Amino acid sequence: IRPMVSSVGVSSALAAPQPPNTPITFTATASGGQAPYQYRWAIFDGATWVAVTNWVTGNTFTWTPSASNAAYRVQARARSSGNSGNMEAAGT
């Protein structure tokens, strides 16, 4: 049995809402589990979550919202290197 990611922290230098077309870079930090970690990013528009990337090993994501919306949320989903299935933990 492999250890699983226990938590994911997400940080950004900019808080929502930002003016439209302002690039925002997010950084995820996973803990627990087995490195190297894989991340998948998702956006919440106030109604639904939409995955916007495939699983990647990089822990940064740059997003440029097309509208100013305080309901937007960005989530990093993480899994351990040996896991080819679903996420083990997520952070918003």
C-alpha atoms as a PDB file:
ATOM      1  CA  ILE A   1       0.000   0.000   0.000  1.00  0.00           C
ATOM      2  CA  ARG A   2       1.419   3.364  -1.002  1.00  0.00           C
ATOM      3  CA  PRO A   3       0.981   6.457   1.156  1.00  0.00           C
ATOM      4  CA  MET A   4      -1.609   8.957  -0.062  1.00  0.00           C
ATOM      5  CA  VAL A   5      -1.464  12.760  -0.304  1.00  0.00           C
ATOM      6  CA  SER A   6      -3.015  14.083   2.899  1.00  0.00           C
ATOM      7  CA  SER A   7      -3.416  17.781   2.028  1.00  0.00           C
ATOM      8  CA  VAL A   8      -2.876  20.375  -0.676  1.00  0.00           C
ATOM      9  CA  GLY A   9      -2.222  24.061  -0.047  1.00  0.00           C
ATOM     10  CA  VAL A  10      -2.890  26.630  -2.781  1.00  0.00           C
ATOM     11  CA  SER A  11      -1.482  30.155  -2.807  1.00  0.00           C
ATOM     12  CA  SER A  12      -1.585  33.191  -5.081  1.00  0.00           C
ATOM     13  CA  ALA A  13      -0.267  36.736  -4.855  1.00  0.00           C
ATOM     14  CA  LEU A  14      -3.620  38.113  -6.091  1.00  0.00           C
ATOM     15  CA  ALA A  15      -7.047  37.740  -4.477  1.00  0.00           C
ATOM     16  CA  ALA A  16     -10.379  37.550  -6.315  1.00  0.00           C
ATOM     17  CA  PRO A  17     -11.923  39.410  -7.946  1.00  0.00           C
ATOM     18  CA  GLN A  18      -9.357  40.845 -10.359  1.00  0.00           C
ATOM     19  CA  PRO A  19     -10.076  42.923 -13.450  1.00  0.00           C
ATOM     20  CA  PRO A  20     -10.826  40.838 -16.561  1.00  0.00           C
ATOM     21  CA  ASN A  21      -7.800  39.550 -18.489  1.00  0.00           C
ATOM     22  CA  THR A  22      -5.457  39.767 -15.481  1.00  0.00           C
ATOM     23  CA  PRO A  23      -3.203  36.664 -15.383  1.00  0.00           C
ATOM     24  CA  ILE A  24      -3.092  35.036 -11.942  1.00  0.00           C
ATOM     25  CA  THR A  25      -0.513  32.384 -11.054  1.00  0.00           C
ATOM     26  CA  PHE A  26      -1.367  29.773  -8.426  1.00  0.00           C
ATOM     27  CA  THR A  27       1.062  27.450  -6.651  1.00  0.00           C
ATOM     28  CA  ALA A  28       0.079  24.135  -5.051  1.00  0.00           C
ATOM     29  CA  THR A  29       1.984  22.351  -2.298  1.00  0.00           C
ATOM     30  CA  ALA A  30       1.067  18.739  -1.567  1.00  0.00           C
ATOM     31  CA  SER A  31       2.051  16.921   1.613  1.00  0.00           C
ATOM     32  CA  GLY A  32       2.008  13.283   2.599  1.00  0.00           C
ATOM     33  CA  GLY A  33       1.927  10.701  -0.134  1.00  0.00           C
ATOM     34  CA  GLN A  34       4.856   9.852  -2.337  1.00  0.00           C
ATOM     35  CA  ALA A  35       6.666  12.425  -4.504  1.00  0.00           C
ATOM     36  CA  PRO A  36       6.885  13.397  -7.237  1.00  0.00           C
ATOM     37  CA  TYR A  37       3.298  14.588  -7.078  1.00  0.00           C
ATOM     38  CA  GLN A  38       0.906  15.067  -9.968  1.00  0.00           C
ATOM     39  CA  TYR A  39      -1.535  17.978 -10.075  1.00  0.00           C
ATOM     40  CA  ARG A  40      -4.754  18.666 -11.938  1.00  0.00           C
ATOM     41  CA  TRP A  41      -6.298  22.128 -11.831  1.00  0.00           C
ATOM     42  CA  ALA A  42     -10.006  23.008 -11.811  1.00  0.00           C
ATOM     43  CA  ILE A  43     -12.023  26.246 -11.900  1.00  0.00           C
ATOM     44  CA  PHE A  44     -15.335  26.927 -10.101  1.00  0.00           C
ATOM     45  CA  ASP A  45     -17.439  29.632 -11.784  1.00  0.00           C
ATOM     46  CA  GLY A  46     -20.022  29.934  -9.024  1.00  0.00           C
ATOM     47  CA  ALA A  47     -22.080  26.992 -10.278  1.00  0.00           C
ATOM     48  CA  THR A  48     -19.850  24.085 -11.344  1.00  0.00           C
ATOM     49  CA  TRP A  49     -16.274  22.788 -11.110  1.00  0.00           C
ATOM     50  CA  VAL A  50     -14.517  22.251 -14.455  1.00  0.00           C
ATOM     51  CA  ALA A  51     -11.146  20.494 -14.755  1.00  0.00           C
ATOM     52  CA  VAL A  52      -8.967  22.713 -16.939  1.00  0.00           C
ATOM     53  CA  THR A  53      -5.748  20.670 -17.122  1.00  0.00           C
ATOM     54  CA  ASN A  54      -4.741  17.057 -17.402  1.00  0.00           C
ATOM     55  CA  TRP A  55      -2.521  15.548 -14.697  1.00  0.00           C
ATOM     56  CA  VAL A  56       0.879  17.319 -14.728  1.00  0.00           C
ATOM     57  CA  THR A  57       3.984  17.218 -12.531  1.00  0.00           C
ATOM     58  CA  GLY A  58       4.335  21.014 -12.337  1.00  0.00           C
ATOM     59  CA  ASN A  59       2.755  22.645  -9.295  1.00  0.00           C
ATOM     60  CA  THR A  60       1.960  26.061 -10.818  1.00  0.00           C
ATOM     61  CA  PHE A  61      -1.004  27.143 -12.907  1.00  0.00           C
ATOM     62  CA  THR A  62      -1.637  30.507 -14.568  1.00  0.00           C
ATOM     63  CA  TRP A  63      -5.229  31.436 -15.259  1.00  0.00           C
ATOM     64  CA  THR A  64      -6.617  34.556 -16.943  1.00  0.00           C
ATOM     65  CA  PRO A  65     -10.290  35.119 -16.039  1.00  0.00           C
ATOM     66  CA  SER A  66     -12.395  36.688 -18.777  1.00  0.00           C
ATOM     67  CA  ALA A  67     -14.723  38.380 -16.265  1.00  0.00           C
ATOM     68  CA  SER A  68     -14.471  39.849 -12.784  1.00  0.00           C
ATOM     69  CA  ASN A  69     -16.327  37.383 -10.557  1.00  0.00           C
ATOM     70  CA  ALA A  70     -15.857  36.973  -6.786  1.00  0.00           C
ATOM     71  CA  ALA A  71     -17.428  33.499  -7.023  1.00  0.00           C
ATOM     72  CA  TYR A  72     -14.474  32.076  -8.996  1.00  0.00           C
ATOM     73  CA  ARG A  73     -12.416  29.475  -7.148  1.00  0.00           C
ATOM     74  CA  VAL A  74      -9.300  27.625  -8.271  1.00  0.00           C
ATOM     75  CA  GLN A  75      -8.594  24.121  -6.983  1.00  0.00           C
ATOM     76  CA  ALA A  76      -5.474  21.974  -7.185  1.00  0.00           C
ATOM     77  CA  ARG A  77      -6.089  18.246  -7.068  1.00  0.00           C
ATOM     78  CA  ALA A  78      -3.105  16.068  -6.200  1.00  0.00           C
ATOM     79  CA  ARG A  79      -2.085  12.442  -6.280  1.00  0.00           C
ATOM     80  CA  SER A  80       1.093  10.513  -5.522  1.00  0.00           C
ATOM     81  CA  SER A  81       3.517   9.481  -8.249  1.00  0.00           C
ATOM     82  CA  GLY A  82       2.422   5.825  -8.265  1.00  0.00           C
ATOM     83  CA  ASN A  83      -1.296   6.611  -8.518  1.00  0.00           C
ATOM     84  CA  SER A  84      -2.779   6.587 -11.999  1.00  0.00           C
ATOM     85  CA  GLY A  85      -6.344   6.990 -10.747  1.00  0.00           C
ATOM     86  CA  ASN A  86      -8.279   9.744  -9.036  1.00  0.00           C
ATOM     87  CA  MET A  87      -7.077  12.555  -6.809  1.00  0.00           C
ATOM     88  CA  GLU A  88      -6.037  11.802  -3.252  1.00  0.00           C
ATOM     89  CA  ALA A  89      -6.550  15.329  -1.870  1.00  0.00           C
ATOM     90  CA  ALA A  90      -7.546  18.817  -3.059  1.00  0.00           C
ATOM     91  CA  GLY A  91      -6.964  22.384  -1.959  1.00  0.00           C
ATOM     92  CA  THR A  92      -8.734  25.598  -2.949  1.00  0.00           C
END
